[in-house]
Structure formats: structure tokens, C-alpha cells
PDB file of all heavy atoms in Angstrom:
ATOM      1  N   ASP A   1       0.826  -1.206   0.000  1.00  0.00           N
ATOM      2  CA  ASP A   1       0.000   0.000   0.000  1.00  0.00           C
ATOM      3  C   ASP A   1       0.859   1.253   0.000  1.00  0.00           C
ATOM      4  O   ASP A   1       0.538   2.235  -0.680  1.00  0.00           O
ATOM      5  CB  ASP A   1      -0.942  -0.005   1.211  1.00  0.00           C
ATOM      6  CG  ASP A   1      -1.948  -1.147   1.146  1.00  0.00           C
ATOM      7  OD1 ASP A   1      -2.151  -1.701   0.042  1.00  0.00           O
ATOM      8  OD2 ASP A   1      -2.518  -1.487   2.210  1.00  0.00           O
ATOM      9  N   TRP A   2       1.959   1.225   0.759  1.00  0.00           N
ATOM     10  CA  TRP A   2       2.856   2.384   0.812  1.00  0.00           C
ATOM     11  C   TRP A   2       3.479   2.636  -0.559  1.00  0.00           C
ATOM     12  O   TRP A   2       3.555   3.770  -1.021  1.00  0.00           O
ATOM     13  CB  TRP A   2       3.942   2.147   1.862  1.00  0.00           C
ATOM     14  CG  TRP A   2       4.841   3.329   2.069  1.00  0.00           C
ATOM     15  CD1 TRP A   2       4.658   4.365   2.941  1.00  0.00           C
ATOM     16  CD2 TRP A   2       6.072   3.596   1.391  1.00  0.00           C
ATOM     17  NE1 TRP A   2       5.690   5.260   2.846  1.00  0.00           N
ATOM     18  CE2 TRP A   2       6.581   4.813   1.897  1.00  0.00           C
ATOM     19  CE3 TRP A   2       6.792   2.938   0.403  1.00  0.00           C
ATOM     20  CZ2 TRP A   2       7.765   5.375   1.464  1.00  0.00           C
ATOM     21  CZ3 TRP A   2       7.976   3.504  -0.029  1.00  0.00           C
ATOM     22  CH2 TRP A   2       8.453   4.709   0.482  1.00  0.00           C
ATOM     23  N   LEU A   3       3.939   1.572  -1.209  1.00  0.00           N
ATOM     24  CA  LEU A   3       4.529   1.711  -2.545  1.00  0.00           C
ATOM     25  C   LEU A   3       3.497   2.250  -3.537  1.00  0.00           C
ATOM     26  O   LEU A   3       3.798   3.114  -4.362  1.00  0.00           O
ATOM     27  CB  LEU A   3       5.089   0.371  -3.031  1.00  0.00           C
ATOM     28  CG  LEU A   3       6.319  -0.148  -2.308  1.00  0.00           C
ATOM     29  CD1 LEU A   3       6.605  -1.591  -2.706  1.00  0.00           C
ATOM     30  CD2 LEU A   3       7.516   0.732  -2.573  1.00  0.00           C
ATOM     31  N   LYS A   4       2.282   1.757  -3.446  1.00  0.00           N
ATOM     32  CA  LYS A   4       1.196   2.196  -4.326  1.00  0.00           C
ATOM     33  C   LYS A   4       0.887   3.682  -4.097  1.00  0.00           C
ATOM     34  O   LYS A   4       0.721   4.453  -5.045  1.00  0.00           O
ATOM     35  CB  LYS A   4      -0.036   1.343  -4.040  1.00  0.00           C
ATOM     36  CG  LYS A   4      -1.014   1.220  -5.144  1.00  0.00           C
ATOM     37  CD  LYS A   4      -2.081   0.229  -4.693  1.00  0.00           C
ATOM     38  CE  LYS A   4      -3.038  -0.121  -5.778  1.00  0.00           C
ATOM     39  NZ  LYS A   4      -4.086  -1.021  -5.309  1.00  0.00           N
ATOM     40  N   GLN A   5       0.818   4.053  -2.837  1.00  0.00           N
ATOM     41  CA  GLN A   5       0.524   5.435  -2.452  1.00  0.00           C
ATOM     42  C   GLN A   5       1.580   6.396  -2.990  1.00  0.00           C
ATOM     43  O   GLN A   5       1.284   7.517  -3.370  1.00  0.00           O
ATOM     44  CB  GLN A   5       0.445   5.535  -0.924  1.00  0.00           C
ATOM     45  CG  GLN A   5       0.147   6.902  -0.392  1.00  0.00           C
ATOM     46  CD  GLN A   5       0.184   6.926   1.136  1.00  0.00           C
ATOM     47  OE1 GLN A   5       0.442   5.908   1.779  1.00  0.00           O
ATOM     48  NE2 GLN A   5      -0.060   8.076   1.700  1.00  0.00           N
ATOM     49  N   HIS A   6       2.834   5.931  -3.063  1.00  0.00           N
ATOM     50  CA  HIS A   6       3.935   6.775  -3.536  1.00  0.00           C
ATOM     51  C   HIS A   6       4.256   6.531  -5.011  1.00  0.00           C
ATOM     52  O   HIS A   6       5.323   6.896  -5.486  1.00  0.00           O
ATOM     53  CB  HIS A   6       5.175   6.555  -2.661  1.00  0.00           C
ATOM     54  CG  HIS A   6       5.025   7.146  -1.291  1.00  0.00           C
ATOM     55  ND1 HIS A   6       4.419   6.454  -0.265  1.00  0.00           N
ATOM     56  CD2 HIS A   6       5.350   8.362  -0.795  1.00  0.00           C
ATOM     57  CE1 HIS A   6       4.398   7.204   0.817  1.00  0.00           C
ATOM     58  NE2 HIS A   6       4.961   8.384   0.522  1.00  0.00           N
ATOM     59  N   SER A   7       3.335   5.912  -5.719  1.00  0.00           N
ATOM     60  CA  SER A   7       3.459   5.650  -7.161  1.00  0.00           C
ATOM     61  C   SER A   7       4.757   4.937  -7.533  1.00  0.00           C
ATOM     62  O   SER A   7       5.349   5.224  -8.572  1.00  0.00           O
ATOM     63  CB  SER A   7       3.327   6.953  -7.951  1.00  0.00           C
ATOM     64  OG  SER A   7       2.107   7.585  -7.674  1.00  0.00           O
ATOM     65  N   CYS A   8       5.172   4.044  -6.684  1.00  0.00           N
ATOM     66  CA  CYS A   8       6.397   3.285  -6.947  1.00  0.00           C
ATOM     67  C   CYS A   8       6.026   2.016  -7.691  1.00  0.00           C
ATOM     68  O   CYS A   8       5.358   1.138  -7.152  1.00  0.00           O
ATOM     69  CB  CYS A   8       7.109   2.953  -5.636  1.00  0.00           C
ATOM     70  SG  CYS A   8       8.651   2.079  -5.887  1.00  0.00           S
ATOM     71  N   ARG A   9       6.414   1.932  -8.946  1.00  0.00           N
ATOM     72  CA  ARG A   9       6.079   0.774  -9.781  1.00  0.00           C
ATOM     73  C   ARG A   9       7.262  -0.184  -9.932  1.00  0.00           C
ATOM     74  O   ARG A   9       7.097  -1.294 -10.383  1.00  0.00           O
ATOM     75  CB  ARG A   9       5.623   1.231 -11.165  1.00  0.00           C
ATOM     76  CG  ARG A   9       4.425   2.131 -11.167  1.00  0.00           C
ATOM     77  CD  ARG A   9       3.102   1.449 -10.873  1.00  0.00           C
ATOM     78  NE  ARG A   9       2.859   0.354 -11.788  1.00  0.00           N
ATOM     79  CZ  ARG A   9       2.314  -0.797 -11.437  1.00  0.00           C
ATOM     80  NH1 ARG A   9       1.940  -1.005 -10.211  1.00  0.00           N
ATOM     81  NH2 ARG A   9       2.135  -1.753 -12.307  1.00  0.00           N
ATOM     82  N   GLU A  10       8.460   0.253  -9.601  1.00  0.00           N
ATOM     83  CA  GLU A  10       9.662  -0.567  -9.741  1.00  0.00           C
ATOM     84  C   GLU A  10      10.194  -0.950  -8.365  1.00  0.00           C
ATOM     85  O   GLU A  10      10.384  -0.085  -7.510  1.00  0.00           O
ATOM     86  CB  GLU A  10      10.760   0.192 -10.490  1.00  0.00           C
ATOM     87  CG  GLU A  10      10.443   0.503 -11.930  1.00  0.00           C
ATOM     88  CD  GLU A  10      10.471  -0.729 -12.811  1.00  0.00           C
ATOM     89  OE1 GLU A  10      11.319  -1.621 -12.581  1.00  0.00           O
ATOM     90  OE2 GLU A  10       9.643  -0.810 -13.728  1.00  0.00           O
ATOM     91  N   VAL A  11      10.419  -2.229  -8.182  1.00  0.00           N
ATOM     92  CA  VAL A  11      10.999  -2.726  -6.926  1.00  0.00           C
ATOM     93  C   VAL A  11      12.125  -3.670  -7.296  1.00  0.00           C
ATOM     94  O   VAL A  11      11.994  -4.505  -8.187  1.00  0.00           O
ATOM     95  CB  VAL A  11       9.938  -3.477  -6.079  1.00  0.00           C
ATOM     96  CG1 VAL A  11      10.568  -4.126  -4.863  1.00  0.00           C
ATOM     97  CG2 VAL A  11       8.812  -2.548  -5.675  1.00  0.00           C
ATOM     98  N   CYS A  12      13.250  -3.525  -6.605  1.00  0.00           N
ATOM     99  CA  CYS A  12      14.385  -4.403  -6.826  1.00  0.00           C
ATOM    100  C   CYS A  12      14.836  -4.936  -5.470  1.00  0.00           C
ATOM    101  O   CYS A  12      14.965  -4.165  -4.512  1.00  0.00           O
ATOM    102  CB  CYS A  12      15.525  -3.643  -7.511  1.00  0.00           C
ATOM    103  SG  CYS A  12      16.920  -4.698  -7.942  1.00  0.00           S
ATOM    104  N   MET A  13      15.025  -6.226  -5.393  1.00  0.00           N
ATOM    105  CA  MET A  13      15.475  -6.826  -4.128  1.00  0.00           C
ATOM    106  C   MET A  13      16.363  -8.017  -4.405  1.00  0.00           C
ATOM    107  O   MET A  13      16.318  -8.604  -5.486  1.00  0.00           O
ATOM    108  CB  MET A  13      14.271  -7.235  -3.284  1.00  0.00           C
ATOM    109  CG  MET A  13      13.392  -8.275  -3.908  1.00  0.00           C
ATOM    110  SD  MET A  13      12.002  -8.615  -2.818  1.00  0.00           S
ATOM    111  CE  MET A  13      10.978  -9.560  -3.889  1.00  0.00           C
ATOM    112  N   GLU A  14      17.185  -8.327  -3.401  1.00  0.00           N
ATOM    113  CA  GLU A  14      18.052  -9.499  -3.525  1.00  0.00           C
ATOM    114  C   GLU A  14      17.272 -10.754  -3.159  1.00  0.00           C
ATOM    115  O   GLU A  14      16.388 -10.725  -2.312  1.00  0.00           O
ATOM    116  CB  GLU A  14      19.250  -9.371  -2.575  1.00  0.00           C
ATOM    117  CG  GLU A  14      20.312  -8.441  -3.041  1.00  0.00           C
ATOM    118  CD  GLU A  14      21.529  -8.452  -2.126  1.00  0.00           C
ATOM    119  OE1 GLU A  14      21.446  -8.927  -0.981  1.00  0.00           O
ATOM    120  OE2 GLU A  14      22.575  -7.982  -2.579  1.00  0.00           O
ATOM    121  N   SER A  15      17.629 -11.840  -3.792  1.00  0.00           N
ATOM    122  CA  SER A  15      17.003 -13.127  -3.462  1.00  0.00           C
ATOM    123  C   SER A  15      17.858 -13.819  -2.418  1.00  0.00           C
ATOM    124  O   SER A  15      18.710 -14.624  -2.730  1.00  0.00           O
ATOM    125  CB  SER A  15      16.867 -13.995  -4.713  1.00  0.00           C
ATOM    126  OG  SER A  15      18.138 -14.248  -5.272  1.00  0.00           O
ATOM    127  N   THR A  16      17.626 -13.491  -1.172  1.00  0.00           N
ATOM    128  CA  THR A  16      18.388 -14.066  -0.080  1.00  0.00           C
ATOM    129  C   THR A  16      17.572 -15.179   0.558  1.00  0.00           C
ATOM    130  O   THR A  16      16.502 -14.928   1.115  1.00  0.00           O
ATOM    131  CB  THR A  16      18.715 -12.986   0.972  1.00  0.00           C
ATOM    132  OG1 THR A  16      19.327 -11.887   0.311  1.00  0.00           O
ATOM    133  CG2 THR A  16      19.652 -13.519   2.026  1.00  0.00           C
ATOM    134  N   GLY A  17      18.068 -16.403   0.469  1.00  0.00           N
ATOM    135  CA  GLY A  17      17.357 -17.541   1.038  1.00  0.00           C
ATOM    136  C   GLY A  17      15.958 -17.639   0.474  1.00  0.00           C
ATOM    137  O   GLY A  17      15.737 -17.557  -0.721  1.00  0.00           O
ATOM    138  N   LYS A  18      14.988 -17.785   1.371  1.00  0.00           N
ATOM    139  CA  LYS A  18      13.580 -17.816   0.965  1.00  0.00           C
ATOM    140  C   LYS A  18      12.848 -16.574   1.454  1.00  0.00           C
ATOM    141  O   LYS A  18      11.634 -16.461   1.305  1.00  0.00           O
ATOM    142  CB  LYS A  18      12.902 -19.066   1.517  1.00  0.00           C
ATOM    143  CG  LYS A  18      13.419 -20.333   0.901  1.00  0.00           C
ATOM    144  CD  LYS A  18      12.394 -21.418   1.023  1.00  0.00           C
ATOM    145  CE  LYS A  18      12.850 -22.654   0.313  1.00  0.00           C
ATOM    146  NZ  LYS A  18      12.255 -22.836  -0.979  1.00  0.00           N
ATOM    147  N   TYR A  19      13.590 -15.626   2.022  1.00  0.00           N
ATOM    148  CA  TYR A  19      12.969 -14.435   2.612  1.00  0.00           C
ATOM    149  C   TYR A  19      12.333 -13.517   1.575  1.00  0.00           C
ATOM    150  O   TYR A  19      11.433 -12.758   1.877  1.00  0.00           O
ATOM    151  CB  TYR A  19      13.999 -13.648   3.437  1.00  0.00           C
ATOM    152  CG  TYR A  19      14.572 -14.458   4.567  1.00  0.00           C
ATOM    153  CD1 TYR A  19      15.899 -14.853   4.568  1.00  0.00           C
ATOM    154  CD2 TYR A  19      13.771 -14.860   5.635  1.00  0.00           C
ATOM    155  CE1 TYR A  19      16.421 -15.619   5.603  1.00  0.00           C
ATOM    156  CE2 TYR A  19      14.287 -15.624   6.666  1.00  0.00           C
ATOM    157  CZ  TYR A  19      15.611 -15.986   6.642  1.00  0.00           C
ATOM    158  OH  TYR A  19      16.108 -16.735   7.660  1.00  0.00           O
ATOM    159  N   TRP A  20      12.787 -13.568   0.357  1.00  0.00           N
ATOM    160  CA  TRP A  20      12.255 -12.700  -0.691  1.00  0.00           C
ATOM    161  C   TRP A  20      10.902 -13.172  -1.209  1.00  0.00           C
ATOM    162  O   TRP A  20      10.118 -12.378  -1.738  1.00  0.00           O
ATOM    163  CB  TRP A  20      13.238 -12.616  -1.863  1.00  0.00           C
ATOM    164  CG  TRP A  20      13.445 -13.928  -2.560  1.00  0.00           C
ATOM    165  CD1 TRP A  20      14.334 -14.905  -2.236  1.00  0.00           C
ATOM    166  CD2 TRP A  20      12.706 -14.426  -3.680  1.00  0.00           C
ATOM    167  NE1 TRP A  20      14.216 -15.971  -3.088  1.00  0.00           N
ATOM    168  CE2 TRP A  20      13.218 -15.706  -3.988  1.00  0.00           C
ATOM    169  CE3 TRP A  20      11.677 -13.915  -4.472  1.00  0.00           C
ATOM    170  CZ2 TRP A  20      12.734 -16.472  -5.038  1.00  0.00           C
ATOM    171  CZ3 TRP A  20      11.200 -14.685  -5.518  1.00  0.00           C
ATOM    172  CH2 TRP A  20      11.731 -15.950  -5.787  1.00  0.00           C
ATOM    173  N   ILE A  21      10.576 -14.444  -1.040  1.00  0.00           N
ATOM    174  CA  ILE A  21       9.385 -15.029  -1.660  1.00  0.00           C
ATOM    175  C   ILE A  21       8.080 -14.390  -1.168  1.00  0.00           C
ATOM    176  O   ILE A  21       7.244 -13.998  -1.990  1.00  0.00           O
ATOM    177  CB  ILE A  21       9.369 -16.559  -1.507  1.00  0.00           C
ATOM    178  CG1 ILE A  21      10.565 -17.155  -2.255  1.00  0.00           C
ATOM    179  CG2 ILE A  21       8.067 -17.156  -2.023  1.00  0.00           C
ATOM    180  CD1 ILE A  21      10.777 -18.638  -2.038  1.00  0.00           C
ATOM    181  N   PRO A  22       7.849 -14.258   0.151  1.00  0.00           N
ATOM    182  CA  PRO A  22       6.582 -13.646   0.566  1.00  0.00           C
ATOM    183  C   PRO A  22       6.449 -12.192   0.098  1.00  0.00           C
ATOM    184  O   PRO A  22       5.366 -11.750  -0.269  1.00  0.00           O
ATOM    185  CB  PRO A  22       6.595 -13.724   2.090  1.00  0.00           C
ATOM    186  CG  PRO A  22       7.892 -14.281   2.496  1.00  0.00           C
ATOM    187  CD  PRO A  22       8.623 -14.743   1.287  1.00  0.00           C
ATOM    188  N   VAL A  23       7.558 -11.473   0.080  1.00  0.00           N
ATOM    189  CA  VAL A  23       7.531 -10.082  -0.395  1.00  0.00           C
ATOM    190  C   VAL A  23       7.192 -10.065  -1.885  1.00  0.00           C
ATOM    191  O   VAL A  23       6.335  -9.301  -2.333  1.00  0.00           O
ATOM    192  CB  VAL A  23       8.886  -9.378  -0.133  1.00  0.00           C
ATOM    193  CG1 VAL A  23       8.877  -7.955  -0.672  1.00  0.00           C
ATOM    194  CG2 VAL A  23       9.219  -9.393   1.355  1.00  0.00           C
ATOM    195  N   PHE A  24       7.841 -10.940  -2.643  1.00  0.00           N
ATOM    196  CA  PHE A  24       7.570 -11.026  -4.081  1.00  0.00           C
ATOM    197  C   PHE A  24       6.108 -11.375  -4.336  1.00  0.00           C
ATOM    198  O   PHE A  24       5.450 -10.770  -5.194  1.00  0.00           O
ATOM    199  CB  PHE A  24       8.483 -12.068  -4.733  1.00  0.00           C
ATOM    200  CG  PHE A  24       8.243 -12.229  -6.205  1.00  0.00           C
ATOM    201  CD1 PHE A  24       8.858 -11.378  -7.105  1.00  0.00           C
ATOM    202  CD2 PHE A  24       7.389 -13.212  -6.679  1.00  0.00           C
ATOM    203  CE1 PHE A  24       8.626 -11.512  -8.469  1.00  0.00           C
ATOM    204  CE2 PHE A  24       7.160 -13.351  -8.036  1.00  0.00           C
ATOM    205  CZ  PHE A  24       7.776 -12.495  -8.930  1.00  0.00           C
ATOM    206  N   ASN A  25       5.576 -12.344  -3.589  1.00  0.00           N
ATOM    207  CA  ASN A  25       4.186 -12.775  -3.784  1.00  0.00           C
ATOM    208  C   ASN A  25       3.198 -11.628  -3.582  1.00  0.00           C
ATOM    209  O   ASN A  25       2.187 -11.550  -4.277  1.00  0.00           O
ATOM    210  CB  ASN A  25       3.840 -13.935  -2.853  1.00  0.00           C
ATOM    211  CG  ASN A  25       4.516 -15.225  -3.262  1.00  0.00           C
ATOM    212  OD1 ASN A  25       4.929 -15.391  -4.402  1.00  0.00           O
ATOM    213  ND2 ASN A  25       4.638 -16.142  -2.327  1.00  0.00           N
ATOM    214  N   ILE A  26       3.470 -10.753  -2.625  1.00  0.00           N
ATOM    215  CA  ILE A  26       2.564  -9.640  -2.355  1.00  0.00           C
ATOM    216  C   ILE A  26       2.721  -8.516  -3.386  1.00  0.00           C
ATOM    217  O   ILE A  26       1.750  -7.897  -3.787  1.00  0.00           O
ATOM    218  CB  ILE A  26       2.780  -9.117  -0.919  1.00  0.00           C
ATOM    219  CG1 ILE A  26       2.198 -10.138   0.052  1.00  0.00           C
ATOM    220  CG2 ILE A  26       2.141  -7.762  -0.712  1.00  0.00           C
ATOM    221  CD1 ILE A  26       2.396  -9.843   1.490  1.00  0.00           C
ATOM    222  N   LEU A  27       3.953  -8.302  -3.835  1.00  0.00           N
ATOM    223  CA  LEU A  27       4.198  -7.167  -4.728  1.00  0.00           C
ATOM    224  C   LEU A  27       4.038  -7.473  -6.217  1.00  0.00           C
ATOM    225  O   LEU A  27       3.898  -6.570  -7.017  1.00  0.00           O
ATOM    226  CB  LEU A  27       5.609  -6.615  -4.487  1.00  0.00           C
ATOM    227  CG  LEU A  27       5.889  -6.053  -3.099  1.00  0.00           C
ATOM    228  CD1 LEU A  27       7.325  -5.565  -3.021  1.00  0.00           C
ATOM    229  CD2 LEU A  27       4.919  -4.943  -2.758  1.00  0.00           C
ATOM    230  N   GLU A  28       4.060  -8.748  -6.606  1.00  0.00           N
ATOM    231  CA  GLU A  28       4.105  -9.078  -8.031  1.00  0.00           C
ATOM    232  C   GLU A  28       2.921  -8.559  -8.833  1.00  0.00           C
ATOM    233  O   GLU A  28       3.056  -8.290 -10.020  1.00  0.00           O
ATOM    234  CB  GLU A  28       4.288 -10.585  -8.244  1.00  0.00           C
ATOM    235  CG  GLU A  28       3.071 -11.429  -8.000  1.00  0.00           C
ATOM    236  CD  GLU A  28       3.309 -12.891  -8.329  1.00  0.00           C
ATOM    237  OE1 GLU A  28       3.937 -13.194  -9.351  1.00  0.00           O
ATOM    238  OE2 GLU A  28       2.848 -13.731  -7.536  1.00  0.00           O
ATOM    239  N   THR A  29       1.757  -8.408  -8.207  1.00  0.00           N
ATOM    240  CA  THR A  29       0.590  -7.936  -8.961  1.00  0.00           C
ATOM    241  C   THR A  29       0.565  -6.421  -9.093  1.00  0.00           C
ATOM    242  O   THR A  29      -0.066  -5.891 -10.002  1.00  0.00           O
ATOM    243  CB  THR A  29      -0.718  -8.404  -8.291  1.00  0.00           C
ATOM    244  OG1 THR A  29      -0.746  -7.922  -6.949  1.00  0.00           O
ATOM    245  CG2 THR A  29      -0.834  -9.910  -8.317  1.00  0.00           C
ATOM    246  N   GLU A  30       1.245  -5.717  -8.203  1.00  0.00           N
ATOM    247  CA  GLU A  30       1.189  -4.249  -8.188  1.00  0.00           C
ATOM    248  C   GLU A  30       2.424  -3.571  -8.773  1.00  0.00           C
ATOM    249  O   GLU A  30       2.366  -2.433  -9.196  1.00  0.00           O
ATOM    250  CB  GLU A  30       1.002  -3.751  -6.743  1.00  0.00           C
ATOM    251  CG  GLU A  30      -0.259  -4.228  -6.084  1.00  0.00           C
ATOM    252  CD  GLU A  30      -1.516  -3.632  -6.710  1.00  0.00           C
ATOM    253  OE1 GLU A  30      -1.457  -2.501  -7.211  1.00  0.00           O
ATOM    254  OE2 GLU A  30      -2.540  -4.329  -6.708  1.00  0.00           O
ATOM    255  N   CYS A  31       3.552  -4.260  -8.744  1.00  0.00           N
ATOM    256  CA  CYS A  31       4.818  -3.633  -9.134  1.00  0.00           C
ATOM    257  C   CYS A  31       5.570  -4.513 -10.129  1.00  0.00           C
ATOM    258  O   CYS A  31       5.326  -5.704 -10.235  1.00  0.00           O
ATOM    259  CB  CYS A  31       5.720  -3.427  -7.909  1.00  0.00           C
ATOM    260  SG  CYS A  31       5.003  -2.446  -6.612  1.00  0.00           S
ATOM    261  N   ASN A  32       6.517  -3.905 -10.793  1.00  0.00           N
ATOM    262  CA  ASN A  32       7.459  -4.652 -11.608  1.00  0.00           C
ATOM    263  C   ASN A  32       8.610  -5.017 -10.672  1.00  0.00           C
ATOM    264  O   ASN A  32       9.431  -4.170 -10.318  1.00  0.00           O
ATOM    265  CB  ASN A  32       7.949  -3.795 -12.779  1.00  0.00           C
ATOM    266  CG  ASN A  32       8.937  -4.539 -13.633  1.00  0.00           C
ATOM    267  OD1 ASN A  32       8.964  -5.760 -13.655  1.00  0.00           O
ATOM    268  ND2 ASN A  32       9.783  -3.797 -14.321  1.00  0.00           N
ATOM    269  N   VAL A  33       8.653  -6.263 -10.248  1.00  0.00           N
ATOM    270  CA  VAL A  33       9.617  -6.692  -9.234  1.00  0.00           C
ATOM    271  C   VAL A  33      10.812  -7.349  -9.913  1.00  0.00           C
ATOM    272  O   VAL A  33      10.672  -8.308 -10.655  1.00  0.00           O
ATOM    273  CB  VAL A  33       8.981  -7.671  -8.225  1.00  0.00           C
ATOM    274  CG1 VAL A  33       9.974  -8.040  -7.136  1.00  0.00           C
ATOM    275  CG2 VAL A  33       7.725  -7.077  -7.614  1.00  0.00           C
ATOM    276  N   CYS A  34      11.981  -6.794  -9.622  1.00  0.00           N
ATOM    277  CA  CYS A  34      13.238  -7.357 -10.122  1.00  0.00           C
ATOM    278  C   CYS A  34      13.892  -8.095  -8.955  1.00  0.00           C
ATOM    279  O   CYS A  34      14.195  -7.494  -7.926  1.00  0.00           O
ATOM    280  CB  CYS A  34      14.146  -6.234 -10.630  1.00  0.00           C
ATOM    281  SG  CYS A  34      15.779  -6.805 -11.131  1.00  0.00           S
ATOM    282  N   VAL A  35      14.062  -9.390  -9.111  1.00  0.00           N
ATOM    283  CA  VAL A  35      14.707 -10.200  -8.068  1.00  0.00           C
ATOM    284  C   VAL A  35      16.131 -10.470  -8.532  1.00  0.00           C
ATOM    285  O   VAL A  35      16.351 -11.117  -9.548  1.00  0.00           O
ATOM    286  CB  VAL A  35      13.941 -11.513  -7.826  1.00  0.00           C
ATOM    287  CG1 VAL A  35      14.627 -12.334  -6.761  1.00  0.00           C
ATOM    288  CG2 VAL A  35      12.496 -11.224  -7.430  1.00  0.00           C
ATOM    289  N   ALA A  36      17.078  -9.945  -7.777  1.00  0.00           N
ATOM    290  CA  ALA A  36      18.486 -10.026  -8.167  1.00  0.00           C
ATOM    291  C   ALA A  36      19.216 -11.095  -7.374  1.00  0.00           C
ATOM    292  O   ALA A  36      19.042 -11.220  -6.164  1.00  0.00           O
ATOM    293  CB  ALA A  36      19.159  -8.678  -7.926  1.00  0.00           C
ATOM    294  N   ASN A  37      20.038 -11.851  -8.071  1.00  0.00           N
ATOM    295  CA  ASN A  37      20.915 -12.810  -7.413  1.00  0.00           C
ATOM    296  C   ASN A  37      22.030 -12.008  -6.735  1.00  0.00           C
ATOM    297  O   ASN A  37      22.714 -11.219  -7.385  1.00  0.00           O
ATOM    298  CB  ASN A  37      21.499 -13.761  -8.459  1.00  0.00           C
ATOM    299  CG  ASN A  37      22.286 -14.881  -7.846  1.00  0.00           C
ATOM    300  OD1 ASN A  37      22.946 -14.709  -6.826  1.00  0.00           O
ATOM    301  ND2 ASN A  37      22.252 -16.035  -8.474  1.00  0.00           N
ATOM    302  N   PRO A  38      22.242 -12.189  -5.425  1.00  0.00           N
ATOM    303  CA  PRO A  38      23.259 -11.407  -4.712  1.00  0.00           C
ATOM    304  C   PRO A  38      24.654 -11.517  -5.334  1.00  0.00           C
ATOM    305  O   PRO A  38      25.468 -10.604  -5.223  1.00  0.00           O
ATOM    306  CB  PRO A  38      23.253 -11.995  -3.300  1.00  0.00           C
ATOM    307  CG  PRO A  38      21.949 -12.679  -3.161  1.00  0.00           C
ATOM    308  CD  PRO A  38      21.543 -13.105  -4.531  1.00  0.00           C
TER     309      PRO A  38
END
């Protein structure tokens, strides 16, 4: 909701362990999510 409110359409995060998965699952419909290999 915060990202949406601030018109943030691009998100980039590292894929560390399995911690990125729940974040990706929530953001994938609203943002263009780039998951980067550390």
C-alpha cells in the first residue's frame, strides 16, 4: 500500500534464502519486481 501510495512501480530486491518469496508474492501484482541474485 505504501509503494502504491507513492506511485512506486519498480521494486528491486536481492534473493536471499527464501525471505524474498513472501515479499515477491505480495508485490508481483502491483509492481514490476526485479529479483536479483546477490
